[in-house]
Amino acid sequence: TESQEGNLNGRVILIKIHADDKRRIPDDVPVILLIRDPAEAIISFFSFMNGEGNTKKWLRNVTDDIYFTKEFDDLFDLNLREWTKLATDRLLYSQRLLVIPYEELKKDPIAQVRRALAFLGVPADEGRLECLRRYSEVPALGLQTQVDPYTPEQKLALAKAAVEVSELLRERNFPPLPVYD
């Protein structure tokens, strides 16, 4: 594909994916696994897909009752499977792997971007890092939900997935996932 050709020619240093197909990612390429609390990731994605209002999807909000629907339950099942598969496949098969917890990226984006650049062997552009610093001081956009949309069964599934991924992280000498509430 065009993006793979760009990568081979040195023009593309990073390709972002949300779902894993092991065949798409060679085991020997450098991989950065940005891993987020699956409960927060699912809420964020669902809100992004279903928000109303502004035409810019990331500015949309949803009402709390939309979470208590079959649509949310179906998306939960699919997204948790994909979250687990992506993390599991990368932890099992990627030979050159950097893991960045999303929460660490939010807390200190400059340090985490520097880690990623060093891992990829790309020199830091201080002007771009300064731009990142300015933009990271802006409040987050999107829904800041106050409702807990998860059933007890879904919470158990989330906890089980986090434990499985944490075990794989430990096996690769990475810190386990943060404790998610």
N, C-alpha and C. Protein backbone atom coordinates (compact mmCIF):
# COMPACT_ATOMS: atom_id res chain seq x y z
N THR A 1 0.84 -1.19 0.00
CA THR A 1 0.00 0.00 0.00
C THR A 1 0.88 1.23 0.00
N GLU A 2 0.23 2.37 -0.24
CA GLU A 2 0.98 3.61 -0.31
C GLU A 2 1.67 3.92 1.02
N SER A 3 0.96 3.72 2.16
CA SER A 3 1.57 4.04 3.45
C SER A 3 2.76 3.12 3.73
N GLN A 4 2.68 1.87 3.33
CA GLN A 4 3.81 0.96 3.53
C GLN A 4 4.98 1.37 2.65
N GLU A 5 4.71 1.80 1.42
CA GLU A 5 5.78 2.26 0.55
C GLU A 5 6.44 3.49 1.13
N GLY A 6 5.64 4.43 1.66
CA GLY A 6 6.19 5.62 2.29
C GLY A 6 7.09 5.25 3.45
N ASN A 7 6.67 4.27 4.21
CA ASN A 7 7.47 3.80 5.34
C ASN A 7 8.81 3.25 4.84
N LEU A 8 8.77 2.47 3.78
CA LEU A 8 10.00 1.90 3.24
C LEU A 8 10.93 2.97 2.69
N ASN A 9 10.39 4.06 2.21
CA ASN A 9 11.20 5.14 1.66
C ASN A 9 11.62 6.15 2.72
N GLY A 10 11.27 5.92 3.98
CA GLY A 10 11.69 6.81 5.04
C GLY A 10 10.85 8.06 5.21
N ARG A 11 9.73 8.15 4.54
CA ARG A 11 8.90 9.35 4.66
C ARG A 11 7.90 9.25 5.80
N VAL A 12 7.54 8.06 6.19
CA VAL A 12 6.56 7.85 7.25
C VAL A 12 7.28 7.21 8.43
N ILE A 13 7.16 7.83 9.60
CA ILE A 13 7.81 7.23 10.77
C ILE A 13 6.83 6.55 11.70
N LEU A 14 5.54 6.79 11.50
CA LEU A 14 4.56 6.21 12.41
C LEU A 14 3.24 6.03 11.69
N ILE A 15 2.64 4.87 11.85
CA ILE A 15 1.31 4.60 11.32
C ILE A 15 0.43 4.25 12.50
N LYS A 16 -0.68 4.95 12.65
CA LYS A 16 -1.58 4.76 13.78
C LYS A 16 -2.65 3.74 13.42
N ILE A 17 -2.85 2.76 14.31
CA ILE A 17 -3.93 1.80 14.12
C ILE A 17 -4.69 1.64 15.44
N HIS A 18 -5.94 1.27 15.34
CA HIS A 18 -6.77 1.04 16.53
C HIS A 18 -7.11 -0.44 16.71
N ALA A 19 -6.99 -1.20 15.67
CA ALA A 19 -7.29 -2.64 15.74
C ALA A 19 -6.13 -3.39 15.11
N ASP A 20 -5.88 -4.56 15.60
CA ASP A 20 -4.71 -5.31 15.17
C ASP A 20 -5.10 -6.44 14.23
N ASP A 21 -4.33 -6.54 13.20
CA ASP A 21 -4.36 -7.71 12.33
C ASP A 21 -2.90 -8.13 12.24
N LYS A 22 -2.55 -9.17 12.92
CA LYS A 22 -1.14 -9.56 13.05
C LYS A 22 -0.41 -9.57 11.71
N ARG A 23 -1.11 -9.91 10.66
CA ARG A 23 -0.46 -9.97 9.34
C ARG A 23 -0.05 -8.59 8.85
N ARG A 24 -0.68 -7.52 9.35
CA ARG A 24 -0.37 -6.16 8.87
C ARG A 24 0.90 -5.59 9.48
N ILE A 25 1.34 -6.13 10.60
CA ILE A 25 2.46 -5.54 11.32
C ILE A 25 3.58 -6.57 11.43
N PRO A 26 4.66 -6.38 10.68
CA PRO A 26 5.77 -7.33 10.80
C PRO A 26 6.32 -7.33 12.24
N ASP A 27 6.77 -8.47 12.70
CA ASP A 27 7.25 -8.60 14.08
C ASP A 27 8.51 -7.78 14.35
N ASP A 28 9.29 -7.48 13.31
CA ASP A 28 10.58 -6.83 13.52
C ASP A 28 10.58 -5.32 13.35
N VAL A 29 9.43 -4.70 13.09
CA VAL A 29 9.39 -3.24 12.98
C VAL A 29 9.19 -2.64 14.38
N PRO A 30 9.70 -1.43 14.61
CA PRO A 30 9.47 -0.82 15.92
C PRO A 30 7.99 -0.49 16.10
N VAL A 31 7.47 -0.81 17.28
CA VAL A 31 6.06 -0.58 17.59
C VAL A 31 5.97 0.20 18.89
N ILE A 32 5.14 1.23 18.88
CA ILE A 32 4.82 1.97 20.09
C ILE A 32 3.39 1.60 20.45
N LEU A 33 3.23 0.96 21.59
CA LEU A 33 1.91 0.57 22.07
C LEU A 33 1.45 1.63 23.07
N LEU A 34 0.56 2.49 22.62
CA LEU A 34 -0.06 3.50 23.49
C LEU A 34 -1.30 2.84 24.07
N ILE A 35 -1.26 2.56 25.35
CA ILE A 35 -2.31 1.76 25.96
C ILE A 35 -3.09 2.59 26.97
N ARG A 36 -4.40 2.56 26.82
CA ARG A 36 -5.29 3.37 27.64
C ARG A 36 -6.23 2.47 28.43
N ASP A 37 -6.68 2.94 29.57
CA ASP A 37 -7.71 2.25 30.34
C ASP A 37 -8.82 1.87 29.38
N PRO A 38 -9.11 0.57 29.21
CA PRO A 38 -10.12 0.18 28.23
C PRO A 38 -11.50 0.77 28.52
N ALA A 39 -11.84 0.94 29.78
CA ALA A 39 -13.15 1.53 30.11
C ALA A 39 -13.24 2.96 29.59
N GLU A 40 -12.18 3.74 29.77
CA GLU A 40 -12.16 5.12 29.27
C GLU A 40 -12.10 5.15 27.75
N ALA A 41 -11.33 4.25 27.16
CA ALA A 41 -11.22 4.22 25.70
C ALA A 41 -12.57 3.91 25.05
N ILE A 42 -13.30 2.98 25.63
CA ILE A 42 -14.61 2.60 25.06
C ILE A 42 -15.59 3.76 25.18
N ILE A 43 -15.64 4.41 26.33
CA ILE A 43 -16.53 5.57 26.50
C ILE A 43 -16.16 6.66 25.51
N SER A 44 -14.88 6.94 25.39
CA SER A 44 -14.43 8.00 24.49
C SER A 44 -14.82 7.71 23.05
N PHE A 45 -14.59 6.48 22.60
CA PHE A 45 -14.92 6.12 21.22
C PHE A 45 -16.43 6.17 20.99
N PHE A 46 -17.20 5.64 21.93
CA PHE A 46 -18.65 5.64 21.79
C PHE A 46 -19.18 7.07 21.74
N SER A 47 -18.67 7.93 22.59
CA SER A 47 -19.09 9.33 22.59
C SER A 47 -18.72 10.01 21.27
N PHE A 48 -17.53 9.73 20.79
CA PHE A 48 -17.07 10.29 19.52
C PHE A 48 -17.99 9.88 18.38
N MET A 49 -18.40 8.62 18.37
CA MET A 49 -19.24 8.12 17.29
C MET A 49 -20.69 8.57 17.40
N ASN A 50 -21.16 8.90 18.58
CA ASN A 50 -22.58 9.17 18.78
C ASN A 50 -22.90 10.59 19.24
N GLY A 51 -21.92 11.44 19.32
CA GLY A 51 -22.16 12.79 19.81
C GLY A 51 -23.04 13.61 18.89
N GLU A 52 -23.70 14.56 19.49
CA GLU A 52 -24.57 15.46 18.74
C GLU A 52 -24.03 16.87 18.87
N GLY A 53 -24.44 17.72 17.97
CA GLY A 53 -24.06 19.12 18.09
C GLY A 53 -23.09 19.50 17.00
N ASN A 54 -22.00 20.11 17.41
CA ASN A 54 -20.98 20.63 16.52
C ASN A 54 -20.60 19.57 15.48
N THR A 55 -20.31 20.03 14.27
CA THR A 55 -19.96 19.09 13.20
C THR A 55 -18.59 18.46 13.42
N LYS A 56 -17.77 19.04 14.28
CA LYS A 56 -16.48 18.42 14.59
C LYS A 56 -16.74 17.35 15.64
N LYS A 57 -16.57 16.10 15.25
CA LYS A 57 -16.96 14.97 16.12
C LYS A 57 -16.33 15.03 17.50
N TRP A 58 -15.10 15.49 17.61
CA TRP A 58 -14.44 15.45 18.92
C TRP A 58 -14.99 16.50 19.88
N LEU A 59 -15.84 17.40 19.39
CA LEU A 59 -16.46 18.40 20.27
C LEU A 59 -17.87 18.02 20.68
N ARG A 60 -18.36 16.92 20.17
CA ARG A 60 -19.74 16.52 20.45
C ARG A 60 -19.88 15.92 21.84
N ASN A 61 -21.07 16.03 22.38
CA ASN A 61 -21.41 15.38 23.64
C ASN A 61 -22.60 14.47 23.43
N VAL A 62 -22.74 13.51 24.31
CA VAL A 62 -23.89 12.61 24.27
C VAL A 62 -24.60 12.70 25.61
N THR A 63 -25.86 12.31 25.61
CA THR A 63 -26.59 12.25 26.88
C THR A 63 -26.25 10.94 27.57
N ASP A 64 -26.31 10.95 28.89
CA ASP A 64 -25.92 9.76 29.65
C ASP A 64 -26.76 8.53 29.31
N ASP A 65 -28.03 8.73 28.95
CA ASP A 65 -28.89 7.57 28.70
C ASP A 65 -28.49 6.77 27.47
N ILE A 66 -27.69 7.34 26.58
CA ILE A 66 -27.29 6.61 25.38
C ILE A 66 -26.38 5.42 25.72
N TYR A 67 -25.75 5.47 26.89
CA TYR A 67 -24.88 4.36 27.28
C TYR A 67 -25.66 3.11 27.66
N PHE A 68 -26.89 3.28 28.07
CA PHE A 68 -27.68 2.14 28.56
C PHE A 68 -28.54 1.59 27.44
N THR A 69 -27.85 1.21 26.35
CA THR A 69 -28.51 0.72 25.14
C THR A 69 -27.80 -0.54 24.64
N LYS A 70 -28.49 -1.26 23.77
CA LYS A 70 -27.87 -2.43 23.13
C LYS A 70 -26.68 -2.00 22.28
N GLU A 71 -26.79 -0.82 21.67
CA GLU A 71 -25.69 -0.33 20.84
C GLU A 71 -24.41 -0.19 21.66
N PHE A 72 -24.52 0.35 22.87
CA PHE A 72 -23.34 0.48 23.73
C PHE A 72 -22.83 -0.90 24.14
N ASP A 73 -23.74 -1.80 24.51
CA ASP A 73 -23.32 -3.15 24.90
C ASP A 73 -22.58 -3.85 23.77
N ASP A 74 -23.09 -3.72 22.55
CA ASP A 74 -22.44 -4.35 21.40
C ASP A 74 -21.06 -3.75 21.15
N LEU A 75 -20.99 -2.41 21.22
CA LEU A 75 -19.71 -1.75 21.01
C LEU A 75 -18.73 -2.14 22.12
N PHE A 76 -19.22 -2.26 23.34
CA PHE A 76 -18.36 -2.68 24.45
C PHE A 76 -17.71 -4.03 24.14
N ASP A 77 -18.53 -5.00 23.76
CA ASP A 77 -18.00 -6.34 23.48
C ASP A 77 -16.94 -6.30 22.38
N LEU A 78 -17.24 -5.62 21.29
CA LEU A 78 -16.31 -5.54 20.17
C LEU A 78 -15.03 -4.80 20.57
N ASN A 79 -15.18 -3.64 21.19
CA ASN A 79 -14.01 -2.83 21.51
C ASN A 79 -13.12 -3.48 22.57
N LEU A 80 -13.71 -4.14 23.55
CA LEU A 80 -12.87 -4.81 24.55
C LEU A 80 -12.09 -5.96 23.91
N ARG A 81 -12.72 -6.69 23.02
CA ARG A 81 -12.00 -7.75 22.29
C ARG A 81 -10.84 -7.16 21.48
N GLU A 82 -11.11 -6.05 20.78
CA GLU A 82 -10.07 -5.43 19.95
C GLU A 82 -8.95 -4.86 20.81
N TRP A 83 -9.30 -4.21 21.93
CA TRP A 83 -8.30 -3.65 22.85
C TRP A 83 -7.38 -4.78 23.34
N THR A 84 -7.99 -5.87 23.77
CA THR A 84 -7.23 -7.00 24.30
C THR A 84 -6.36 -7.64 23.22
N LYS A 85 -6.92 -7.82 22.03
CA LYS A 85 -6.17 -8.45 20.93
C LYS A 85 -4.99 -7.59 20.51
N LEU A 86 -5.20 -6.29 20.36
CA LEU A 86 -4.12 -5.41 19.95
C LEU A 86 -2.99 -5.46 20.97
N ALA A 87 -3.31 -5.27 22.24
CA ALA A 87 -2.27 -5.29 23.28
C ALA A 87 -1.58 -6.65 23.34
N THR A 88 -2.37 -7.70 23.34
CA THR A 88 -1.82 -9.06 23.43
C THR A 88 -0.91 -9.38 22.25
N ASP A 89 -1.38 -9.13 21.05
CA ASP A 89 -0.56 -9.43 19.87
C ASP A 89 0.74 -8.65 19.87
N ARG A 90 0.68 -7.37 20.20
CA ARG A 90 1.92 -6.59 20.20
C ARG A 90 2.87 -7.07 21.28
N LEU A 91 2.33 -7.39 22.46
CA LEU A 91 3.19 -7.86 23.55
C LEU A 91 3.77 -9.24 23.27
N LEU A 92 3.06 -10.06 22.55
CA LEU A 92 3.55 -11.40 22.22
C LEU A 92 4.51 -11.40 21.04
N TYR A 93 4.26 -10.56 20.03
CA TYR A 93 4.97 -10.71 18.77
C TYR A 93 5.94 -9.58 18.41
N SER A 94 5.73 -8.38 18.88
CA SER A 94 6.62 -7.28 18.49
C SER A 94 7.97 -7.44 19.17
N GLN A 95 9.00 -7.50 18.35
CA GLN A 95 10.35 -7.66 18.88
C GLN A 95 10.92 -6.34 19.39
N ARG A 96 10.55 -5.25 18.76
CA ARG A 96 11.01 -3.91 19.15
C ARG A 96 9.79 -3.13 19.61
N LEU A 97 9.62 -3.03 20.93
CA LEU A 97 8.37 -2.51 21.48
C LEU A 97 8.64 -1.47 22.56
N LEU A 98 7.93 -0.36 22.46
CA LEU A 98 7.88 0.65 23.52
C LEU A 98 6.43 0.75 23.96
N VAL A 99 6.19 0.65 25.25
CA VAL A 99 4.84 0.78 25.79
C VAL A 99 4.73 2.12 26.49
N ILE A 100 3.72 2.90 26.12
CA ILE A 100 3.44 4.18 26.77
C ILE A 100 2.01 4.16 27.28
N PRO A 101 1.82 4.18 28.59
CA PRO A 101 0.46 4.29 29.11
C PRO A 101 -0.12 5.67 28.75
N TYR A 102 -1.34 5.68 28.29
CA TYR A 102 -2.01 6.92 27.89
C TYR A 102 -1.99 7.94 29.02
N GLU A 103 -2.17 7.45 30.25
CA GLU A 103 -2.21 8.35 31.40
C GLU A 103 -0.87 9.07 31.57
N GLU A 104 0.24 8.38 31.26
CA GLU A 104 1.56 9.00 31.33
C GLU A 104 1.73 10.03 30.21
N LEU A 105 1.19 9.73 29.06
CA LEU A 105 1.25 10.68 27.95
C LEU A 105 0.48 11.95 28.29
N LYS A 106 -0.68 11.80 28.91
CA LYS A 106 -1.46 12.98 29.32
C LYS A 106 -0.73 13.78 30.39
N LYS A 107 -0.10 13.08 31.33
CA LYS A 107 0.55 13.75 32.45
C LYS A 107 1.80 14.52 32.00
N ASP A 108 2.58 13.93 31.12
CA ASP A 108 3.83 14.56 30.68
C ASP A 108 4.07 14.26 29.20
N PRO A 109 3.33 14.96 28.33
CA PRO A 109 3.44 14.65 26.90
C PRO A 109 4.83 14.88 26.32
N ILE A 110 5.53 15.89 26.80
CA ILE A 110 6.86 16.17 26.26
C ILE A 110 7.80 14.99 26.54
N ALA A 111 7.82 14.52 27.77
CA ALA A 111 8.71 13.41 28.12
C ALA A 111 8.37 12.15 27.33
N GLN A 112 7.08 11.88 27.16
CA GLN A 112 6.69 10.66 26.45
C GLN A 112 6.97 10.76 24.95
N VAL A 113 6.80 11.94 24.38
CA VAL A 113 7.14 12.12 22.96
C VAL A 113 8.65 11.98 22.79
N ARG A 114 9.42 12.52 23.72
CA ARG A 114 10.88 12.35 23.65
C ARG A 114 11.25 10.87 23.71
N ARG A 115 10.60 10.11 24.58
CA ARG A 115 10.85 8.66 24.66
C ARG A 115 10.56 7.99 23.33
N ALA A 116 9.41 8.35 22.74
CA ALA A 116 9.01 7.74 21.46
C ALA A 116 10.00 8.10 20.36
N LEU A 117 10.41 9.36 20.30
CA LEU A 117 11.37 9.77 19.27
C LEU A 117 12.70 9.04 19.45
N ALA A 118 13.18 8.94 20.68
CA ALA A 118 14.43 8.23 20.93
C ALA A 118 14.31 6.77 20.52
N PHE A 119 13.19 6.15 20.85
CA PHE A 119 12.95 4.75 20.49
C PHE A 119 12.99 4.57 18.97
N LEU A 120 12.42 5.53 18.25
CA LEU A 120 12.39 5.45 16.78
C LEU A 120 13.68 5.93 16.13
N GLY A 121 14.57 6.53 16.92
CA GLY A 121 15.81 7.06 16.37
C GLY A 121 15.61 8.34 15.58
N VAL A 122 14.62 9.12 15.99
CA VAL A 122 14.30 10.37 15.30
C VAL A 122 14.72 11.53 16.21
N PRO A 123 15.50 12.48 15.69
CA PRO A 123 15.90 13.60 16.53
C PRO A 123 14.69 14.47 16.91
N ALA A 124 14.73 14.99 18.12
CA ALA A 124 13.65 15.86 18.60
C ALA A 124 13.75 17.22 17.93
N ASP A 125 12.63 17.75 17.50
CA ASP A 125 12.54 19.10 16.96
C ASP A 125 12.00 19.97 18.10
N GLU A 126 12.88 20.78 18.68
CA GLU A 126 12.50 21.56 19.87
C GLU A 126 11.35 22.52 19.58
N GLY A 127 11.26 23.04 18.38
CA GLY A 127 10.15 23.93 18.02
C GLY A 127 8.82 23.20 18.06
N ARG A 128 8.81 21.99 17.56
CA ARG A 128 7.57 21.19 17.60
C ARG A 128 7.23 20.78 19.02
N LEU A 129 8.23 20.47 19.82
CA LEU A 129 7.97 20.12 21.22
C LEU A 129 7.43 21.33 21.98
N GLU A 130 7.90 22.51 21.66
CA GLU A 130 7.36 23.72 22.29
C GLU A 130 5.90 23.92 21.90
N CYS A 131 5.57 23.65 20.65
CA CYS A 131 4.18 23.72 20.19
C CYS A 131 3.33 22.71 20.97
N LEU A 132 3.84 21.51 21.13
CA LEU A 132 3.13 20.49 21.91
C LEU A 132 2.92 20.96 23.34
N ARG A 133 3.94 21.57 23.93
CA ARG A 133 3.82 22.06 25.30
C ARG A 133 2.68 23.08 25.40
N ARG A 134 2.62 24.02 24.46
CA ARG A 134 1.56 25.04 24.48
C ARG A 134 0.18 24.39 24.34
N TYR A 135 0.04 23.46 23.41
CA TYR A 135 -1.27 22.83 23.19
C TYR A 135 -1.65 21.87 24.30
N SER A 136 -0.69 21.30 24.99
CA SER A 136 -1.02 20.37 26.07
C SER A 136 -1.52 21.09 27.31
N GLU A 137 -1.37 22.40 27.35
CA GLU A 137 -1.88 23.18 28.48
C GLU A 137 -3.35 23.55 28.29
N VAL A 138 -3.91 23.27 27.13
CA VAL A 138 -5.31 23.57 26.83
C VAL A 138 -6.18 22.46 27.42
N PRO A 139 -7.33 22.80 28.03
CA PRO A 139 -8.20 21.74 28.58
C PRO A 139 -8.63 20.75 27.50
N ALA A 140 -8.85 19.52 27.91
CA ALA A 140 -9.25 18.45 26.99
C ALA A 140 -10.61 18.74 26.39
N LEU A 141 -10.76 18.35 25.13
CA LEU A 141 -12.04 18.48 24.45
C LEU A 141 -12.85 17.21 24.64
N GLY A 142 -14.09 17.28 24.25
CA GLY A 142 -14.91 16.08 24.25
C GLY A 142 -15.65 15.87 25.55
N LEU A 143 -16.34 14.77 25.58
CA LEU A 143 -17.21 14.43 26.70
C LEU A 143 -16.42 14.12 27.96
N GLN A 144 -16.85 14.68 29.04
CA GLN A 144 -16.32 14.34 30.36
C GLN A 144 -17.49 13.72 31.12
N THR A 145 -17.74 12.45 30.89
CA THR A 145 -18.93 11.79 31.41
C THR A 145 -18.89 11.68 32.93
N GLN A 146 -20.06 11.75 33.53
CA GLN A 146 -20.21 11.62 34.98
C GLN A 146 -20.89 10.31 35.35
N VAL A 147 -21.36 9.58 34.37
CA VAL A 147 -22.11 8.36 34.63
C VAL A 147 -21.21 7.14 34.44
N ASP A 148 -21.46 6.10 35.23
CA ASP A 148 -20.75 4.83 35.04
C ASP A 148 -21.66 3.94 34.21
N PRO A 149 -21.32 3.73 32.94
CA PRO A 149 -22.23 2.99 32.05
C PRO A 149 -22.08 1.47 32.12
N TYR A 150 -21.16 0.97 32.92
CA TYR A 150 -20.82 -0.44 32.87
C TYR A 150 -21.63 -1.28 33.86
N THR A 151 -22.08 -2.43 33.37
CA THR A 151 -22.77 -3.40 34.22
C THR A 151 -21.72 -4.14 35.07
N PRO A 152 -22.13 -4.83 36.12
CA PRO A 152 -21.16 -5.62 36.89
C PRO A 152 -20.42 -6.64 36.02
N GLU A 153 -21.11 -7.25 35.06
CA GLU A 153 -20.46 -8.22 34.18
C GLU A 153 -19.41 -7.55 33.30
N GLN A 154 -19.73 -6.36 32.80
CA GLN A 154 -18.77 -5.64 31.97
C GLN A 154 -17.55 -5.22 32.80
N LYS A 155 -17.78 -4.82 34.04
CA LYS A 155 -16.65 -4.45 34.91
C LYS A 155 -15.74 -5.65 35.15
N LEU A 156 -16.32 -6.82 35.31
CA LEU A 156 -15.50 -8.03 35.47
C LEU A 156 -14.70 -8.31 34.20
N ALA A 157 -15.32 -8.14 33.05
CA ALA A 157 -14.62 -8.36 31.77
C ALA A 157 -13.47 -7.36 31.61
N LEU A 158 -13.70 -6.10 31.99
CA LEU A 158 -12.65 -5.09 31.92
C LEU A 158 -11.49 -5.47 32.84
N ALA A 159 -11.81 -5.87 34.06
CA ALA A 159 -10.76 -6.25 35.02
C ALA A 159 -9.97 -7.45 34.52
N LYS A 160 -10.67 -8.44 33.97
CA LYS A 160 -10.00 -9.64 33.45
C LYS A 160 -9.05 -9.28 32.31
N ALA A 161 -9.50 -8.43 31.40
CA ALA A 161 -8.66 -8.01 30.28
C ALA A 161 -7.42 -7.27 30.78
N ALA A 162 -7.61 -6.38 31.76
CA ALA A 162 -6.48 -5.62 32.31
C ALA A 162 -5.47 -6.54 32.99
N VAL A 163 -5.95 -7.55 33.71
CA VAL A 163 -5.05 -8.51 34.36
C VAL A 163 -4.26 -9.29 33.32
N GLU A 164 -4.93 -9.75 32.27
CA GLU A 164 -4.24 -10.51 31.21
C GLU A 164 -3.15 -9.68 30.55
N VAL A 165 -3.47 -8.43 30.24
CA VAL A 165 -2.49 -7.57 29.58
C VAL A 165 -1.36 -7.23 30.55
N SER A 166 -1.68 -6.99 31.82
CA SER A 166 -0.64 -6.70 32.82
C SER A 166 0.34 -7.85 32.95
N GLU A 167 -0.16 -9.07 32.91
CA GLU A 167 0.73 -10.24 32.99
C GLU A 167 1.69 -10.27 31.80
N LEU A 168 1.19 -9.98 30.62
CA LEU A 168 2.06 -9.94 29.44
C LEU A 168 3.07 -8.80 29.54
N LEU A 169 2.64 -7.67 30.07
CA LEU A 169 3.57 -6.55 30.27
C LEU A 169 4.71 -6.97 31.20
N ARG A 170 4.37 -7.61 32.30
CA ARG A 170 5.39 -8.08 33.25
C ARG A 170 6.36 -9.07 32.58
N GLU A 171 5.81 -9.97 31.77
CA GLU A 171 6.66 -10.95 31.08
C GLU A 171 7.67 -10.28 30.16
N ARG A 172 7.31 -9.11 29.63
CA ARG A 172 8.22 -8.35 28.75
C ARG A 172 9.03 -7.31 29.52
N ASN A 173 8.95 -7.35 30.85
CA ASN A 173 9.67 -6.41 31.73
C ASN A 173 9.19 -4.97 31.61
N PHE A 174 7.92 -4.80 31.30
CA PHE A 174 7.28 -3.49 31.35
C PHE A 174 6.48 -3.42 32.65
N PRO A 175 6.26 -2.21 33.16
CA PRO A 175 5.40 -2.09 34.34
C PRO A 175 3.98 -2.54 33.99
N PRO A 176 3.25 -3.09 34.96
CA PRO A 176 1.86 -3.46 34.70
C PRO A 176 1.01 -2.22 34.47
N LEU A 177 -0.19 -2.43 33.99
CA LEU A 177 -1.11 -1.32 33.81
C LEU A 177 -1.39 -0.65 35.14
N PRO A 178 -1.72 0.64 35.11
CA PRO A 178 -2.15 1.29 36.34
C PRO A 178 -3.43 0.61 36.84
N VAL A 179 -3.72 0.76 38.11
CA VAL A 179 -4.97 0.21 38.64
C VAL A 179 -6.09 1.12 38.18
N TYR A 180 -7.02 0.55 37.43
CA TYR A 180 -8.15 1.30 36.92
C TYR A 180 -9.32 1.12 37.87
N ASP A 181 -9.99 2.22 38.16
CA ASP A 181 -11.17 2.15 39.04
C ASP A 181 -12.37 1.62 38.31
